[in-house]
Protein backbone atom coordinates (compact mmCIF):
# COMPACT_ATOMS: atom_id res chain seq x y z
CA MET A 1 -139.89 -55.23 69.42
CA ASP A 2 -138.30 -54.61 72.84
CA TYR A 3 -140.38 -55.73 75.80
CA SER A 4 -137.69 -55.30 78.46
CA ASN A 5 -139.02 -51.96 79.69
CA GLN A 6 -142.56 -53.31 79.95
CA LEU A 7 -141.30 -56.42 81.79
CA ARG A 8 -139.26 -54.26 84.15
CA ARG A 9 -142.39 -52.24 85.06
CA MET A 10 -144.41 -55.44 85.59
CA ASN A 11 -141.69 -56.86 87.82
CA GLU A 12 -141.59 -53.64 89.84
CA HIS A 13 -145.32 -53.64 90.19
CA ASN A 14 -145.20 -57.30 91.38
CA ARG A 15 -142.47 -56.46 93.95
CA GLU A 16 -144.57 -53.60 95.35
CA PHE A 17 -147.71 -55.73 95.49
CA TRP A 18 -146.05 -58.66 97.21
CA GLY A 19 -144.19 -56.26 99.52
CA ARG A 20 -147.64 -55.17 100.82
CA GLU A 21 -149.24 -58.63 100.75
CA ASN A 22 -146.56 -60.76 102.43
CA PRO A 23 -146.76 -58.99 105.87
CA LEU A 24 -150.59 -59.22 105.67
CA LEU A 25 -150.35 -62.96 104.93
CA SER A 26 -148.11 -63.65 107.92
CA THR A 27 -150.48 -61.65 110.14
CA ARG A 28 -153.50 -63.53 108.81
CA ILE A 29 -151.92 -66.95 109.07
CA SER A 30 -150.81 -66.26 112.71
CA ASP A 31 -154.57 -66.22 113.67
CA ASN A 32 -155.43 -69.88 114.22
CA ALA A 33 -159.04 -69.53 113.01
CA LEU A 34 -158.05 -67.71 109.82
CA CYS A 35 -155.28 -70.27 109.23
CA GLU A 36 -157.72 -73.18 109.59
CA ILE A 37 -160.26 -71.56 107.25
CA THR A 38 -157.53 -70.78 104.70
CA MET A 39 -156.19 -74.34 104.74
CA MET A 40 -159.72 -75.71 104.40
CA MET A 41 -160.36 -73.46 101.36
CA LEU A 42 -156.98 -74.40 99.92
CA SER A 43 -157.62 -78.15 100.19
CA ASP A 44 -161.05 -77.68 98.63
CA GLU A 45 -159.61 -75.81 95.67
CA GLN A 46 -156.84 -78.43 95.25
CA ALA A 47 -159.45 -81.15 95.18
CA ARG A 48 -161.69 -79.65 92.57
CA LEU A 49 -159.68 -77.19 90.45
CA PRO A 50 -156.69 -77.39 88.16
CA VAL A 51 -153.60 -75.51 89.49
CA TYR A 52 -154.09 -72.78 86.89
CA TYR A 53 -157.47 -71.78 88.37
CA GLN A 54 -156.55 -72.07 92.09
CA ASN A 55 -156.26 -68.92 94.16
CA SER A 56 -153.06 -68.14 95.97
CA VAL A 57 -152.75 -68.73 99.74
CA SER A 58 -152.63 -65.00 100.16
CA GLU A 59 -155.93 -64.51 98.32
CA LEU A 60 -157.56 -67.33 100.26
CA ALA A 61 -156.36 -65.82 103.58
CA ARG A 62 -157.81 -62.44 102.50
CA LYS A 63 -161.16 -64.09 101.73
CA ALA A 64 -161.05 -66.02 105.03
CA GLU A 65 -160.54 -62.71 106.87
CA GLN A 66 -163.61 -61.30 105.13
CA PHE A 67 -165.68 -64.36 106.05
CA GLN A 68 -164.51 -64.05 109.66
CA LYS A 69 -165.52 -60.40 109.81
CA ILE A 70 -168.99 -61.21 108.43
CA ALA A 71 -169.45 -64.04 110.92
CA LEU A 72 -168.34 -61.85 113.85
CA THR A 73 -170.67 -59.03 112.76
CA HIS A 74 -173.64 -61.37 112.67
CA ARG A 75 -172.69 -62.91 116.02
CA ALA A 76 -172.47 -59.43 117.55
CA LYS A 77 -175.90 -58.52 116.16
CA LYS A 78 -177.39 -61.68 117.72
CA ALA A 79 -175.77 -60.97 121.07
CA GLY A 80 -177.25 -57.51 121.13
CA ARG A 81 -180.76 -58.92 120.69
CA LYS A 82 -180.39 -61.60 123.37
CA LYS A 83 -183.03 -61.20 126.06
CA LYS A 84 -181.68 -60.14 129.40
CA THR A 85 -183.12 -61.38 132.69
CA ASP A 86 -185.54 -58.92 134.28
CA SER A 87 -185.59 -58.01 137.97
CA LEU A 88 -188.39 -60.49 138.76
CA GLN A 89 -186.34 -63.35 137.26
CA CYS A 90 -183.26 -62.19 139.22
CA LEU A 91 -185.36 -62.26 142.37
CA ILE A 92 -186.58 -65.78 141.66
CA GLU A 93 -183.01 -66.87 140.98
CA ALA A 94 -181.98 -65.41 144.39
CA ILE A 95 -184.81 -67.33 146.07
CA ILE A 96 -183.67 -70.54 144.33
CA CYS A 97 -180.16 -70.05 145.68
CA ARG A 98 -181.57 -70.04 149.23
CA ARG A 99 -184.25 -72.68 148.73
CA PRO A 100 -183.39 -74.90 145.74
CA HIS A 101 -186.43 -77.16 146.14
CA VAL A 102 -189.13 -74.49 146.26
CA THR A 103 -192.30 -75.20 144.31
CA ALA A 104 -194.33 -72.87 142.13
CA SER A 105 -197.09 -72.53 144.70
CA GLU A 106 -194.54 -71.80 147.45
CA LEU A 107 -192.86 -69.24 145.22
CA LYS A 108 -196.19 -67.56 144.61
CA GLU A 109 -196.75 -67.25 148.38
CA MET A 110 -193.22 -65.87 148.88
CA LEU A 111 -193.50 -63.16 146.21
CA THR A 112 -195.27 -60.37 148.09
CA ARG A 113 -194.93 -56.61 148.09
CA ASP A 114 -194.23 -56.67 151.86
CA ARG A 115 -191.31 -59.07 151.49
CA TYR A 116 -189.76 -57.51 148.36
CA PRO A 117 -190.87 -53.82 148.16
CA ASN A 118 -187.96 -52.72 146.03
CA VAL A 119 -188.94 -55.22 143.23
CA ILE A 120 -192.62 -56.05 143.48
CA THR A 121 -194.98 -53.06 143.30
CA ASP A 122 -198.33 -54.82 143.21
CA ILE A 123 -200.05 -58.16 142.80
CA GLU A 124 -203.42 -57.84 141.17
CA GLY A 125 -205.62 -60.63 139.88
CA CYS A 126 -203.54 -62.73 137.56
CA CYS A 127 -200.53 -60.36 137.28
CA ILE A 128 -197.47 -59.40 139.27
CA TYR A 129 -196.29 -55.86 138.70
CA PHE A 130 -192.59 -55.23 139.33
CA GLN A 131 -189.91 -52.59 138.82
CA THR A 132 -187.42 -53.19 136.02
CA LYS A 133 -183.74 -52.50 136.35
CA LYS A 134 -184.37 -49.23 134.43
CA GLY A 135 -187.01 -48.16 136.88
CA THR A 136 -190.06 -48.70 134.74
CA GLU A 137 -192.98 -50.90 135.78
CA LYS A 138 -193.59 -54.22 134.04
CA SER A 139 -196.05 -57.02 134.57
CA ALA A 140 -195.88 -60.80 134.44
CA LYS A 141 -198.66 -63.33 134.61
CA ILE A 142 -198.81 -65.41 137.75
CA SER A 143 -199.43 -68.51 135.60
CA GLY A 144 -195.99 -67.94 134.12
CA LEU A 145 -194.23 -68.27 137.48
CA LYS A 146 -193.80 -72.02 136.98
CA ASP A 147 -191.89 -71.36 133.76
CA ARG A 148 -189.74 -68.70 135.40
CA LEU A 149 -189.09 -71.12 138.28
CA PHE A 150 -188.08 -73.83 135.87
CA ARG A 151 -185.69 -71.53 134.00
CA ALA A 152 -184.16 -70.37 137.29
CA LYS A 153 -183.64 -73.94 138.51
CA ARG A 154 -182.14 -74.95 135.18
CA ALA A 155 -179.76 -71.97 135.32
CA GLN A 156 -178.85 -72.81 138.86
CA MET A 157 -178.10 -76.41 137.99
CA SER A 158 -175.89 -75.37 135.12
CA ARG A 159 -173.81 -73.21 137.48
CA GLU A 160 -173.33 -75.87 140.15
CA PRO A 161 -170.04 -77.78 140.09
CA VAL A 162 -170.32 -81.47 139.44
């Protein structure tokens, strides 16, 4: 039985496959993160599998690229849900920049409609009503000012050079 024709087709198929895969491998390995993940996967396979069952570096780089895409997708989803600071918090942060040692009671006295008419719309009972960046009205409890002040001071301290 003559297998030379069958072997020739297999070799041609292999040449086409590796002709497509080799440029992809060099692109994947040029990315430092993908290279590190690939090498980690490779050392893991070398430690626990016989050579016959180990994946090629090209296959490991392809899997590493898939893992990276999944991780980036999830990170992007988390970033989209991150809470943004509202206009009242921005106002408190601006006050902190001018008076870093302001207390919660002093802040409560400073936040008036007369002083900040473009942000604060009304102070009623236990709530402060303010305009959001989108133009809608929102409320915040006055008892929560101490927490807002703490967050603003913490943010300010993290921005200051040491």
